[in-house]
Amino acid sequence: MQYNTTREKLTKPEYGRHIQKMVQHAMTISSKEERTKCAKAIVSFLVQSNNVPQKNIEEAEKKYWNQIHIISDFKLDVDCKYPLPEMEKLAEKPKKLSYPIRNIQFSFYGLSIEKMIKKAVETTDEKEKQSIVCMTANHMKKAYLSFNKDSVDNKTILSHLKILSKGQLSVPEDFDFIESKSVNKNKKPIYKKKFKKRKWILLKSMVEQVWVAL
């Protein structure tokens, strides 16, 4: 028995050992014409085995031609309608993606609330500003209740609004927050449904037992 650890290392493990052996076999063919036919057959096999849609065949063929050139270490001399991949570009490491670092003061409110507050601060129309502030305050309460499911004092929300807006925003004196009950009311626990179902099955079983006894 031969183990993979003792075999030749795969250049492209995702294509498997059979493809690598097929490419190596193509390299041993002396006739360039026959080598090209063999390479085309390998590319065709890869396209068919991966169920490439008709509209993407040309793009897939180009990709697989590149792959068999890489597997052969660029030693496969064939006639190909696509240019050889550049070794320098293949060796290049991808650029590191910059991760956006945002300092969110209250994580349970998230970035959306901060954007809403910023929008309200920038709004010049007083009526529109008050409308955005009131809507933001209620959204803050909803977000807080999803973080703390019990309850929240409206004064806490007003305090956070003042901190996030740097004292530039406040709700009207006659403003009424949404009630905590109305927010939590929509969140029905799943276990109640399961309990009702089990209760019904148990009741049905008891009725059947009574009928058998009669």
N, C-alpha and C. Protein backbone atom coordinates (compact mmCIF):
# COMPACT_ATOMS: atom_id res chain seq x y z
N MET A 1 0.84 -1.20 0.00
CA MET A 1 0.00 0.00 0.00
C MET A 1 0.87 1.25 0.00
N GLN A 2 0.48 2.21 -0.83
CA GLN A 2 1.24 3.46 -0.93
C GLN A 2 0.42 4.60 -0.32
N TYR A 3 1.04 5.31 0.60
CA TYR A 3 0.36 6.42 1.27
C TYR A 3 0.67 7.73 0.56
N ASN A 4 -0.26 8.68 0.69
CA ASN A 4 -0.09 9.99 0.05
C ASN A 4 1.15 10.73 0.55
N THR A 5 1.55 10.43 1.80
CA THR A 5 2.73 11.10 2.37
C THR A 5 4.02 10.70 1.66
N THR A 6 4.00 9.53 1.04
CA THR A 6 5.20 9.05 0.33
C THR A 6 5.15 9.39 -1.16
N ARG A 7 4.03 9.90 -1.62
CA ARG A 7 3.90 10.22 -3.04
C ARG A 7 4.41 11.62 -3.33
N GLU A 8 4.46 11.92 -4.62
CA GLU A 8 4.91 13.24 -5.07
C GLU A 8 3.92 14.30 -4.59
N LYS A 9 4.45 15.45 -4.18
CA LYS A 9 3.62 16.53 -3.68
C LYS A 9 2.76 17.09 -4.81
N LEU A 10 1.48 17.36 -4.51
CA LEU A 10 0.58 17.92 -5.50
C LEU A 10 0.81 19.42 -5.65
N THR A 11 0.96 19.86 -6.88
CA THR A 11 1.15 21.29 -7.14
C THR A 11 -0.14 22.05 -6.87
N LYS A 12 -1.26 21.47 -7.33
CA LYS A 12 -2.58 22.05 -7.10
C LYS A 12 -3.47 20.97 -6.48
N PRO A 13 -3.47 20.87 -5.15
CA PRO A 13 -4.23 19.80 -4.48
C PRO A 13 -5.73 19.80 -4.80
N GLU A 14 -6.29 20.97 -5.12
CA GLU A 14 -7.73 21.05 -5.38
C GLU A 14 -8.15 20.29 -6.64
N TYR A 15 -7.18 20.02 -7.53
CA TYR A 15 -7.50 19.28 -8.76
C TYR A 15 -7.23 17.79 -8.63
N GLY A 16 -6.57 17.40 -7.57
CA GLY A 16 -6.33 15.98 -7.33
C GLY A 16 -5.13 15.42 -8.06
N ARG A 17 -4.80 14.19 -7.70
CA ARG A 17 -3.61 13.53 -8.25
C ARG A 17 -3.81 13.09 -9.69
N HIS A 18 -5.06 12.74 -10.06
CA HIS A 18 -5.32 12.24 -11.42
C HIS A 18 -5.02 13.33 -12.46
N ILE A 19 -5.43 14.56 -12.18
CA ILE A 19 -5.17 15.66 -13.12
C ILE A 19 -3.67 15.90 -13.24
N GLN A 20 -2.97 15.85 -12.11
CA GLN A 20 -1.51 16.05 -12.14
C GLN A 20 -0.84 14.97 -12.98
N LYS A 21 -1.30 13.73 -12.85
CA LYS A 21 -0.73 12.63 -13.64
C LYS A 21 -1.05 12.79 -15.12
N MET A 22 -2.24 13.30 -15.42
CA MET A 22 -2.62 13.53 -16.83
C MET A 22 -1.72 14.60 -17.46
N VAL A 23 -1.44 15.66 -16.68
CA VAL A 23 -0.56 16.72 -17.17
C VAL A 23 0.86 16.19 -17.36
N GLN A 24 1.31 15.39 -16.41
CA GLN A 24 2.65 14.80 -16.50
C GLN A 24 2.76 13.87 -17.71
N HIS A 25 1.65 13.16 -17.98
CA HIS A 25 1.64 12.28 -19.16
C HIS A 25 1.73 13.11 -20.44
N ALA A 26 1.01 14.24 -20.49
CA ALA A 26 1.04 15.11 -21.67
C ALA A 26 2.45 15.63 -21.93
N MET A 27 3.20 15.86 -20.85
CA MET A 27 4.57 16.37 -20.99
C MET A 27 5.51 15.33 -21.61
N THR A 28 5.16 14.04 -21.49
CA THR A 28 6.02 12.98 -22.02
C THR A 28 5.81 12.73 -23.51
N ILE A 29 4.72 13.29 -24.06
CA ILE A 29 4.41 13.08 -25.48
C ILE A 29 5.38 13.89 -26.33
N SER A 30 6.02 13.23 -27.27
CA SER A 30 7.07 13.89 -28.08
C SER A 30 6.50 14.84 -29.12
N SER A 31 5.38 14.49 -29.73
CA SER A 31 4.78 15.32 -30.77
C SER A 31 4.04 16.50 -30.14
N LYS A 32 4.36 17.71 -30.59
CA LYS A 32 3.70 18.91 -30.05
C LYS A 32 2.21 18.91 -30.38
N GLU A 33 1.88 18.42 -31.54
CA GLU A 33 0.48 18.36 -31.95
C GLU A 33 -0.32 17.44 -31.03
N GLU A 34 0.27 16.28 -30.73
CA GLU A 34 -0.40 15.33 -29.84
C GLU A 34 -0.46 15.84 -28.41
N ARG A 35 0.60 16.55 -27.99
CA ARG A 35 0.62 17.15 -26.66
C ARG A 35 -0.52 18.16 -26.51
N THR A 36 -0.69 18.96 -27.56
CA THR A 36 -1.76 19.97 -27.55
C THR A 36 -3.13 19.32 -27.48
N LYS A 37 -3.32 18.23 -28.23
CA LYS A 37 -4.59 17.50 -28.19
C LYS A 37 -4.86 16.96 -26.79
N CYS A 38 -3.81 16.42 -26.17
CA CYS A 38 -3.93 15.87 -24.82
C CYS A 38 -4.28 16.98 -23.82
N ALA A 39 -3.60 18.13 -23.94
CA ALA A 39 -3.86 19.25 -23.04
C ALA A 39 -5.29 19.77 -23.22
N LYS A 40 -5.75 19.83 -24.46
CA LYS A 40 -7.12 20.26 -24.74
C LYS A 40 -8.14 19.31 -24.11
N ALA A 41 -7.81 18.00 -24.16
CA ALA A 41 -8.69 16.98 -23.58
C ALA A 41 -8.77 17.16 -22.05
N ILE A 42 -7.64 17.51 -21.43
CA ILE A 42 -7.62 17.74 -19.97
C ILE A 42 -8.48 18.95 -19.62
N VAL A 43 -8.33 20.03 -20.39
CA VAL A 43 -9.12 21.25 -20.16
C VAL A 43 -10.60 20.97 -20.35
N SER A 44 -10.93 20.24 -21.41
CA SER A 44 -12.32 19.88 -21.70
C SER A 44 -12.91 19.05 -20.57
N PHE A 45 -12.11 18.11 -20.04
CA PHE A 45 -12.56 17.27 -18.93
C PHE A 45 -12.85 18.12 -17.69
N LEU A 46 -11.98 19.09 -17.39
CA LEU A 46 -12.17 19.96 -16.24
C LEU A 46 -13.43 20.81 -16.38
N VAL A 47 -13.68 21.30 -17.61
CA VAL A 47 -14.88 22.12 -17.85
C VAL A 47 -16.14 21.29 -17.64
N GLN A 48 -16.16 20.07 -18.18
CA GLN A 48 -17.34 19.21 -18.09
C GLN A 48 -17.56 18.71 -16.67
N SER A 49 -16.50 18.34 -15.97
CA SER A 49 -16.63 17.79 -14.62
C SER A 49 -17.06 18.83 -13.60
N ASN A 50 -16.83 20.12 -13.91
CA ASN A 50 -17.23 21.19 -12.99
C ASN A 50 -18.54 21.86 -13.39
N ASN A 51 -19.23 21.27 -14.39
CA ASN A 51 -20.55 21.77 -14.82
C ASN A 51 -20.55 23.29 -15.08
N VAL A 52 -19.61 23.73 -15.88
CA VAL A 52 -19.50 25.16 -16.18
C VAL A 52 -20.63 25.57 -17.11
N PRO A 53 -21.38 26.64 -16.77
CA PRO A 53 -22.45 27.11 -17.67
C PRO A 53 -21.90 27.54 -19.03
N GLN A 54 -22.74 27.45 -20.05
CA GLN A 54 -22.33 27.75 -21.43
C GLN A 54 -21.75 29.15 -21.57
N LYS A 55 -22.33 30.12 -20.87
CA LYS A 55 -21.87 31.51 -21.00
C LYS A 55 -20.50 31.74 -20.35
N ASN A 56 -20.08 30.83 -19.46
CA ASN A 56 -18.80 31.00 -18.76
C ASN A 56 -17.71 30.06 -19.24
N ILE A 57 -17.97 29.33 -20.33
CA ILE A 57 -17.01 28.32 -20.80
C ILE A 57 -15.67 28.93 -21.18
N GLU A 58 -15.70 30.04 -21.93
CA GLU A 58 -14.45 30.66 -22.38
C GLU A 58 -13.59 31.10 -21.19
N GLU A 59 -14.23 31.70 -20.20
CA GLU A 59 -13.52 32.14 -19.00
C GLU A 59 -12.95 30.96 -18.23
N ALA A 60 -13.75 29.86 -18.16
CA ALA A 60 -13.30 28.65 -17.45
C ALA A 60 -12.13 27.99 -18.17
N GLU A 61 -12.21 27.95 -19.51
CA GLU A 61 -11.13 27.35 -20.30
C GLU A 61 -9.82 28.10 -20.07
N LYS A 62 -9.88 29.41 -20.06
CA LYS A 62 -8.68 30.23 -19.81
C LYS A 62 -8.09 29.91 -18.44
N LYS A 63 -8.97 29.78 -17.46
CA LYS A 63 -8.54 29.47 -16.09
C LYS A 63 -7.85 28.10 -16.04
N TYR A 64 -8.47 27.08 -16.67
CA TYR A 64 -7.92 25.73 -16.61
C TYR A 64 -6.63 25.59 -17.42
N TRP A 65 -6.51 26.34 -18.52
CA TRP A 65 -5.24 26.36 -19.26
C TRP A 65 -4.14 26.90 -18.35
N ASN A 66 -4.45 27.97 -17.63
CA ASN A 66 -3.47 28.53 -16.69
C ASN A 66 -3.08 27.51 -15.62
N GLN A 67 -4.07 26.77 -15.14
CA GLN A 67 -3.83 25.80 -14.07
C GLN A 67 -2.92 24.65 -14.53
N ILE A 68 -3.17 24.15 -15.75
CA ILE A 68 -2.33 23.03 -16.19
C ILE A 68 -0.90 23.50 -16.50
N HIS A 69 -0.75 24.77 -16.89
CA HIS A 69 0.60 25.33 -17.06
C HIS A 69 1.32 25.41 -15.71
N ILE A 70 0.57 25.80 -14.68
CA ILE A 70 1.16 25.90 -13.33
C ILE A 70 1.51 24.50 -12.82
N ILE A 71 0.62 23.52 -13.05
CA ILE A 71 0.88 22.14 -12.61
C ILE A 71 2.13 21.59 -13.27
N SER A 72 2.34 21.95 -14.55
CA SER A 72 3.52 21.45 -15.28
C SER A 72 4.76 22.29 -14.99
N ASP A 73 4.64 23.27 -14.09
CA ASP A 73 5.75 24.17 -13.77
C ASP A 73 6.21 24.92 -15.03
N PHE A 74 5.24 25.23 -15.89
CA PHE A 74 5.45 25.99 -17.13
C PHE A 74 6.38 25.26 -18.12
N LYS A 75 6.40 23.93 -18.02
CA LYS A 75 7.24 23.12 -18.91
C LYS A 75 6.43 22.44 -20.00
N LEU A 76 5.12 22.62 -20.01
CA LEU A 76 4.26 22.00 -21.01
C LEU A 76 4.25 22.88 -22.26
N ASP A 77 4.90 22.41 -23.30
CA ASP A 77 5.02 23.16 -24.56
C ASP A 77 3.87 22.77 -25.48
N VAL A 78 2.85 23.60 -25.54
CA VAL A 78 1.68 23.32 -26.38
C VAL A 78 1.24 24.60 -27.08
N ASP A 79 0.41 24.43 -28.09
CA ASP A 79 -0.19 25.58 -28.77
C ASP A 79 -1.48 25.95 -28.04
N CYS A 80 -1.48 27.11 -27.43
CA CYS A 80 -2.64 27.56 -26.64
C CYS A 80 -3.06 28.95 -27.10
N LYS A 81 -4.35 29.16 -27.25
CA LYS A 81 -4.83 30.46 -27.73
C LYS A 81 -4.79 31.54 -26.65
N TYR A 82 -4.53 31.11 -25.41
CA TYR A 82 -4.44 32.07 -24.31
C TYR A 82 -2.99 32.30 -23.91
N PRO A 83 -2.63 33.52 -23.54
CA PRO A 83 -1.24 33.78 -23.13
C PRO A 83 -0.91 33.08 -21.81
N LEU A 84 0.35 32.74 -21.66
CA LEU A 84 0.79 32.08 -20.42
C LEU A 84 0.66 33.03 -19.24
N PRO A 85 0.28 32.50 -18.07
CA PRO A 85 0.23 33.37 -16.89
C PRO A 85 1.63 33.83 -16.49
N GLU A 86 1.74 35.05 -16.03
CA GLU A 86 3.04 35.59 -15.65
C GLU A 86 3.43 35.09 -14.26
N MET A 87 4.63 34.50 -14.19
CA MET A 87 5.10 33.92 -12.94
C MET A 87 5.27 34.97 -11.85
N GLU A 88 5.66 36.18 -12.25
CA GLU A 88 5.86 37.26 -11.27
C GLU A 88 4.54 37.62 -10.58
N LYS A 89 3.46 37.67 -11.38
CA LYS A 89 2.16 38.01 -10.82
C LYS A 89 1.64 36.90 -9.91
N LEU A 90 1.94 35.65 -10.28
CA LEU A 90 1.51 34.52 -9.45
C LEU A 90 2.22 34.52 -8.10
N ALA A 91 3.46 34.99 -8.11
CA ALA A 91 4.25 35.01 -6.88
C ALA A 91 3.87 36.17 -5.97
N GLU A 92 3.18 37.17 -6.53
CA GLU A 92 2.80 38.34 -5.73
C GLU A 92 1.79 37.96 -4.65
N LYS A 93 2.00 38.51 -3.48
CA LYS A 93 1.06 38.29 -2.38
C LYS A 93 -0.07 39.31 -2.49
N PRO A 94 -1.29 38.89 -2.19
CA PRO A 94 -2.40 39.85 -2.28
C PRO A 94 -2.24 40.96 -1.25
N LYS A 95 -2.72 42.14 -1.61
CA LYS A 95 -2.61 43.27 -0.71
C LYS A 95 -3.50 43.06 0.53
N LYS A 96 -2.98 43.47 1.64
CA LYS A 96 -3.71 43.32 2.89
C LYS A 96 -4.92 44.27 2.90
N LEU A 97 -6.08 43.69 3.19
CA LEU A 97 -7.29 44.50 3.23
C LEU A 97 -7.32 45.31 4.53
N SER A 98 -7.60 46.57 4.37
CA SER A 98 -7.68 47.43 5.56
C SER A 98 -9.02 47.23 6.24
N TYR A 99 -8.99 46.95 7.53
CA TYR A 99 -10.22 46.72 8.30
C TYR A 99 -10.66 48.04 8.92
N PRO A 100 -11.89 48.45 8.66
CA PRO A 100 -12.35 49.74 9.21
C PRO A 100 -12.44 49.68 10.74
N ILE A 101 -11.74 50.57 11.39
CA ILE A 101 -11.76 50.62 12.85
C ILE A 101 -12.67 51.77 13.27
N ARG A 102 -13.76 51.43 13.92
CA ARG A 102 -14.73 52.43 14.36
C ARG A 102 -14.87 52.35 15.88
N ASN A 103 -14.76 53.46 16.51
CA ASN A 103 -14.90 53.54 17.95
C ASN A 103 -16.36 53.85 18.29
N ILE A 104 -17.15 52.78 18.49
CA ILE A 104 -18.56 52.94 18.83
C ILE A 104 -18.67 53.07 20.35
N GLN A 105 -19.24 54.17 20.80
CA GLN A 105 -19.27 54.47 22.23
C GLN A 105 -20.17 53.49 23.00
N PHE A 106 -21.35 53.22 22.46
CA PHE A 106 -22.26 52.25 23.07
C PHE A 106 -22.50 51.14 22.04
N SER A 107 -21.89 50.00 22.26
CA SER A 107 -21.93 48.93 21.26
C SER A 107 -23.34 48.41 21.00
N PHE A 108 -24.21 48.45 22.02
CA PHE A 108 -25.56 47.90 21.85
C PHE A 108 -26.43 48.78 20.96
N TYR A 109 -26.04 50.03 20.73
CA TYR A 109 -26.77 50.89 19.80
C TYR A 109 -26.30 50.69 18.36
N GLY A 110 -25.02 50.39 18.21
CA GLY A 110 -24.49 50.16 16.88
C GLY A 110 -24.19 51.45 16.12
N LEU A 111 -23.69 51.28 14.91
CA LEU A 111 -23.28 52.42 14.09
C LEU A 111 -24.47 53.17 13.51
N SER A 112 -25.58 52.45 13.27
CA SER A 112 -26.76 53.08 12.65
C SER A 112 -27.31 54.21 13.50
N ILE A 113 -27.39 54.00 14.82
CA ILE A 113 -27.90 55.03 15.72
C ILE A 113 -27.00 56.26 15.70
N GLU A 114 -25.69 56.03 15.68
CA GLU A 114 -24.75 57.16 15.64
C GLU A 114 -24.90 57.95 14.35
N LYS A 115 -25.17 57.25 13.25
CA LYS A 115 -25.39 57.94 11.97
C LYS A 115 -26.68 58.75 12.00
N MET A 116 -27.71 58.19 12.66
CA MET A 116 -28.98 58.91 12.77
C MET A 116 -28.82 60.18 13.60
N ILE A 117 -28.04 60.07 14.67
CA ILE A 117 -27.78 61.24 15.52
C ILE A 117 -26.99 62.29 14.76
N LYS A 118 -26.00 61.85 14.00
CA LYS A 118 -25.21 62.78 13.19
C LYS A 118 -26.08 63.49 12.16
N LYS A 119 -27.01 62.73 11.55
CA LYS A 119 -27.94 63.30 10.57
C LYS A 119 -28.83 64.36 11.23
N ALA A 120 -29.29 64.05 12.45
CA ALA A 120 -30.15 64.98 13.17
C ALA A 120 -29.41 66.27 13.51
N VAL A 121 -28.15 66.14 13.91
CA VAL A 121 -27.33 67.32 14.25
C VAL A 121 -27.12 68.20 13.03
N GLU A 122 -26.92 67.57 11.87
CA GLU A 122 -26.64 68.33 10.64
C GLU A 122 -27.89 68.94 10.01
N THR A 123 -29.07 68.45 10.41
CA THR A 123 -30.33 68.94 9.82
C THR A 123 -30.63 70.36 10.31
N THR A 124 -30.90 71.25 9.39
CA THR A 124 -31.15 72.66 9.73
C THR A 124 -32.63 72.93 10.00
N ASP A 125 -33.51 72.21 9.29
CA ASP A 125 -34.94 72.40 9.49
C ASP A 125 -35.33 71.86 10.88
N GLU A 126 -35.86 72.73 11.72
CA GLU A 126 -36.13 72.38 13.12
C GLU A 126 -37.19 71.29 13.25
N LYS A 127 -38.24 71.37 12.43
CA LYS A 127 -39.31 70.37 12.49
C LYS A 127 -38.80 68.98 12.10
N GLU A 128 -38.02 68.95 11.03
CA GLU A 128 -37.44 67.68 10.56
C GLU A 128 -36.46 67.13 11.59
N LYS A 129 -35.69 68.04 12.21
CA LYS A 129 -34.71 67.63 13.23
C LYS A 129 -35.41 66.96 14.40
N GLN A 130 -36.50 67.57 14.89
CA GLN A 130 -37.23 67.01 16.01
C GLN A 130 -37.81 65.64 15.67
N SER A 131 -38.26 65.51 14.43
CA SER A 131 -38.82 64.22 13.97
C SER A 131 -37.75 63.14 13.98
N ILE A 132 -36.54 63.46 13.51
CA ILE A 132 -35.43 62.50 13.49
C ILE A 132 -35.00 62.15 14.91
N VAL A 133 -34.96 63.16 15.79
CA VAL A 133 -34.55 62.94 17.18
C VAL A 133 -35.52 61.99 17.88
N CYS A 134 -36.82 62.23 17.72
CA CYS A 134 -37.83 61.38 18.35
C CYS A 134 -37.75 59.93 17.84
N MET A 135 -37.59 59.81 16.54
CA MET A 135 -37.47 58.48 15.94
C MET A 135 -36.21 57.78 16.44
N THR A 136 -35.11 58.53 16.55
CA THR A 136 -33.84 57.98 17.02
C THR A 136 -33.95 57.53 18.47
N ALA A 137 -34.61 58.34 19.29
CA ALA A 137 -34.77 58.01 20.71
C ALA A 137 -35.53 56.69 20.88
N ASN A 138 -36.58 56.49 20.10
CA ASN A 138 -37.34 55.24 20.18
C ASN A 138 -36.53 54.05 19.68
N HIS A 139 -35.74 54.27 18.63
CA HIS A 139 -34.86 53.21 18.12
C HIS A 139 -33.80 52.86 19.16
N MET A 140 -33.32 53.86 19.87
CA MET A 140 -32.34 53.61 20.94
C MET A 140 -32.95 52.75 22.04
N LYS A 141 -34.20 53.02 22.36
CA LYS A 141 -34.86 52.23 23.39
C LYS A 141 -35.05 50.78 22.94
N LYS A 142 -35.43 50.60 21.68
CA LYS A 142 -35.59 49.25 21.13
C LYS A 142 -34.26 48.49 21.16
N ALA A 143 -33.19 49.19 20.75
CA ALA A 143 -31.85 48.57 20.73
C ALA A 143 -31.41 48.21 22.15
N TYR A 144 -31.70 49.11 23.08
CA TYR A 144 -31.31 48.86 24.47
C TYR A 144 -32.07 47.66 25.04
N LEU A 145 -33.35 47.54 24.71
CA LEU A 145 -34.16 46.43 25.21
C LEU A 145 -33.75 45.09 24.58
N SER A 146 -33.20 45.13 23.39
CA SER A 146 -32.67 43.89 22.81
C SER A 146 -31.38 43.48 23.51
N PHE A 147 -30.70 44.46 24.10
CA PHE A 147 -29.48 44.20 24.86
C PHE A 147 -29.82 43.83 26.30
N ASN A 148 -30.74 44.57 26.91
CA ASN A 148 -31.21 44.32 28.27
C ASN A 148 -32.70 44.05 28.19
N LYS A 149 -33.10 42.78 28.23
CA LYS A 149 -34.48 42.38 27.91
C LYS A 149 -35.49 42.75 29.00
N ASP A 150 -35.04 43.13 30.18
CA ASP A 150 -35.98 43.41 31.27
C ASP A 150 -36.69 44.73 31.07
N SER A 151 -36.01 45.81 31.30
CA SER A 151 -36.60 47.14 31.15
C SER A 151 -35.50 48.18 31.07
N VAL A 152 -35.89 49.40 30.75
CA VAL A 152 -34.93 50.50 30.69
C VAL A 152 -35.63 51.78 31.10
N ASP A 153 -34.94 52.59 31.88
CA ASP A 153 -35.47 53.87 32.30
C ASP A 153 -35.30 54.86 31.14
N ASN A 154 -36.34 55.60 30.85
CA ASN A 154 -36.27 56.58 29.76
C ASN A 154 -35.18 57.62 29.99
N LYS A 155 -34.88 57.90 31.25
CA LYS A 155 -33.82 58.86 31.58
C LYS A 155 -32.46 58.37 31.09
N THR A 156 -32.29 57.04 31.10
CA THR A 156 -31.03 56.45 30.61
C THR A 156 -30.87 56.72 29.12
N ILE A 157 -31.95 56.55 28.37
CA ILE A 157 -31.92 56.79 26.92
C ILE A 157 -31.62 58.26 26.64
N LEU A 158 -32.27 59.15 27.40
CA LEU A 158 -32.04 60.58 27.22
C LEU A 158 -30.61 60.97 27.55
N SER A 159 -30.05 60.33 28.57
CA SER A 159 -28.66 60.58 28.95
C SER A 159 -27.70 60.14 27.85
N HIS A 160 -27.97 58.96 27.27
CA HIS A 160 -27.13 58.44 26.18
C HIS A 160 -27.25 59.30 24.93
N LEU A 161 -28.46 59.79 24.67
CA LEU A 161 -28.68 60.67 23.51
C LEU A 161 -27.88 61.95 23.67
N LYS A 162 -27.84 62.46 24.86
CA LYS A 162 -27.09 63.69 25.14
C LYS A 162 -25.59 63.46 24.97
N ILE A 163 -25.11 62.28 25.42
CA ILE A 163 -23.68 61.96 25.32
C ILE A 163 -23.28 61.79 23.85
N LEU A 164 -24.09 61.02 23.11
CA LEU A 164 -23.77 60.73 21.70
C LEU A 164 -23.85 61.98 20.82
N SER A 165 -24.75 62.89 21.14
CA SER A 165 -24.89 64.11 20.35
C SER A 165 -24.05 65.26 20.89
N LYS A 166 -23.29 64.95 21.96
CA LYS A 166 -22.45 65.98 22.62
C LYS A 166 -23.29 67.19 23.06
N GLY A 167 -24.45 66.86 23.61
CA GLY A 167 -25.33 67.89 24.17
C GLY A 167 -26.07 68.72 23.15
N GLN A 168 -26.06 68.31 21.87
CA GLN A 168 -26.68 69.13 20.82
C GLN A 168 -28.13 68.75 20.55
N LEU A 169 -28.56 67.57 21.06
CA LEU A 169 -29.92 67.11 20.78
C LEU A 169 -30.69 66.83 22.07
N SER A 170 -31.98 67.04 21.99
CA SER A 170 -32.88 66.69 23.10
C SER A 170 -34.28 66.49 22.55
N VAL A 171 -35.07 65.68 23.21
CA VAL A 171 -36.44 65.41 22.74
C VAL A 171 -37.36 66.50 23.26
N PRO A 172 -38.49 66.74 22.59
CA PRO A 172 -39.46 67.74 23.09
C PRO A 172 -40.02 67.34 24.46
N GLU A 173 -40.50 68.29 25.21
CA GLU A 173 -41.01 68.03 26.56
C GLU A 173 -42.25 67.12 26.54
N ASP A 174 -43.05 67.22 25.47
CA ASP A 174 -44.27 66.40 25.40
C ASP A 174 -44.03 65.05 24.69
N PHE A 175 -42.76 64.71 24.50
CA PHE A 175 -42.45 63.45 23.79
C PHE A 175 -42.70 62.25 24.69
N ASP A 176 -43.36 61.23 24.15
CA ASP A 176 -43.62 60.00 24.89
C ASP A 176 -42.87 58.85 24.24
N PHE A 177 -42.05 58.19 25.03
CA PHE A 177 -41.33 57.02 24.54
C PHE A 177 -42.32 55.86 24.32
N ILE A 178 -41.93 54.95 23.44
CA ILE A 178 -42.70 53.71 23.30
C ILE A 178 -42.55 52.92 24.59
N GLU A 179 -43.58 52.17 24.95
CA GLU A 179 -43.53 51.39 26.19
C GLU A 179 -42.68 50.14 26.00
N SER A 180 -42.00 49.77 27.06
CA SER A 180 -41.15 48.56 27.01
C SER A 180 -41.98 47.32 26.71
N LYS A 181 -43.22 47.31 27.22
CA LYS A 181 -44.09 46.15 27.01
C LYS A 181 -44.40 45.94 25.54
N SER A 182 -44.62 47.04 24.82
CA SER A 182 -44.97 46.93 23.39
C SER A 182 -43.80 46.41 22.56
N VAL A 183 -42.56 46.66 23.03
CA VAL A 183 -41.38 46.17 22.33
C VAL A 183 -41.20 44.68 22.59
N ASN A 184 -41.33 44.29 23.87
CA ASN A 184 -41.14 42.88 24.23
C ASN A 184 -42.32 42.01 23.85
N LYS A 185 -43.48 42.63 23.61
CA LYS A 185 -44.69 41.88 23.29
C LYS A 185 -44.55 41.12 21.97
N ASN A 186 -43.82 41.72 21.02
CA ASN A 186 -43.65 41.11 19.70
C ASN A 186 -42.71 39.92 19.71
N LYS A 187 -41.94 39.78 20.78
CA LYS A 187 -40.98 38.68 20.87
C LYS A 187 -41.60 37.52 21.63
N LYS A 188 -42.34 36.68 20.94
CA LYS A 188 -42.99 35.54 21.57
C LYS A 188 -42.01 34.38 21.70
N PRO A 189 -41.85 33.82 22.88
CA PRO A 189 -40.92 32.70 23.04
C PRO A 189 -41.42 31.46 22.32
N ILE A 190 -40.50 30.74 21.73
CA ILE A 190 -40.84 29.55 20.93
C ILE A 190 -41.30 28.41 21.82
N TYR A 191 -40.79 28.36 23.07
CA TYR A 191 -41.07 27.21 23.93
C TYR A 191 -42.56 27.08 24.24
N LYS A 192 -43.32 28.16 24.18
CA LYS A 192 -44.74 28.11 24.48
C LYS A 192 -45.48 27.25 23.45
N LYS A 193 -45.12 27.42 22.18
CA LYS A 193 -45.75 26.64 21.12
C LYS A 193 -45.44 25.16 21.30
N LYS A 194 -44.18 24.88 21.60
CA LYS A 194 -43.77 23.50 21.81
C LYS A 194 -44.51 22.88 22.98
N PHE A 195 -44.69 23.71 24.06
CA PHE A 195 -45.37 23.23 25.25
C PHE A 195 -46.83 22.90 24.93
N LYS A 196 -47.49 23.77 24.16
CA LYS A 196 -48.88 23.55 23.77
C LYS A 196 -49.02 22.28 22.95
N LYS A 197 -48.07 22.05 22.07
CA LYS A 197 -48.11 20.86 21.22
C LYS A 197 -47.97 19.60 22.06
N ARG A 198 -47.02 19.63 23.02
CA ARG A 198 -46.82 18.47 23.89
C ARG A 198 -48.06 18.24 24.76
N LYS A 199 -48.68 19.34 25.22
CA LYS A 199 -49.87 19.25 26.05
C LYS A 199 -51.02 18.59 25.28
N TRP A 200 -51.17 18.96 24.00
CA TRP A 200 -52.21 18.39 23.14
C TRP A 200 -51.97 16.91 22.90
N ILE A 201 -50.72 16.51 22.67
CA ILE A 201 -50.38 15.09 22.45
C ILE A 201 -50.68 14.27 23.70
N LEU A 202 -50.35 14.84 24.88
CA LEU A 202 -50.60 14.16 26.15
C LEU A 202 -52.10 13.99 26.38
N LEU A 203 -52.88 15.04 26.09
CA LEU A 203 -54.33 14.99 26.26
C LEU A 203 -54.95 13.97 25.33
N LYS A 204 -54.47 13.92 24.08
CA LYS A 204 -54.97 12.96 23.10
C LYS A 204 -54.70 11.53 23.55
N SER A 205 -53.50 11.32 24.11
CA SER A 205 -53.12 10.00 24.60
C SER A 205 -54.01 9.56 25.75
N MET A 206 -54.33 10.50 26.64
CA MET A 206 -55.18 10.19 27.79
C MET A 206 -56.59 9.83 27.35
N VAL A 207 -57.13 10.54 26.34
CA VAL A 207 -58.47 10.25 25.81
C VAL A 207 -58.50 8.87 25.20
N GLU A 208 -57.46 8.51 24.45
CA GLU A 208 -57.40 7.19 23.82
C GLU A 208 -57.38 6.08 24.87
N GLN A 209 -56.64 6.32 25.96
CA GLN A 209 -56.57 5.33 27.04
C GLN A 209 -57.95 5.13 27.69
N VAL A 210 -58.69 6.24 27.84
CA VAL A 210 -60.03 6.15 28.43
C VAL A 210 -60.95 5.34 27.55
N TRP A 211 -60.89 5.58 26.23
CA TRP A 211 -61.75 4.83 25.28
C TRP A 211 -61.42 3.34 25.29
N VAL A 212 -60.14 3.01 25.41
CA VAL A 212 -59.73 1.60 25.47
C VAL A 212 -60.29 0.94 26.73
N ALA A 213 -60.22 1.69 27.84
CA ALA A 213 -60.70 1.17 29.12
C ALA A 213 -62.22 0.92 29.08
N LEU A 214 -62.95 1.75 28.32
CA LEU A 214 -64.40 1.56 28.22
C LEU A 214 -64.73 0.36 27.31
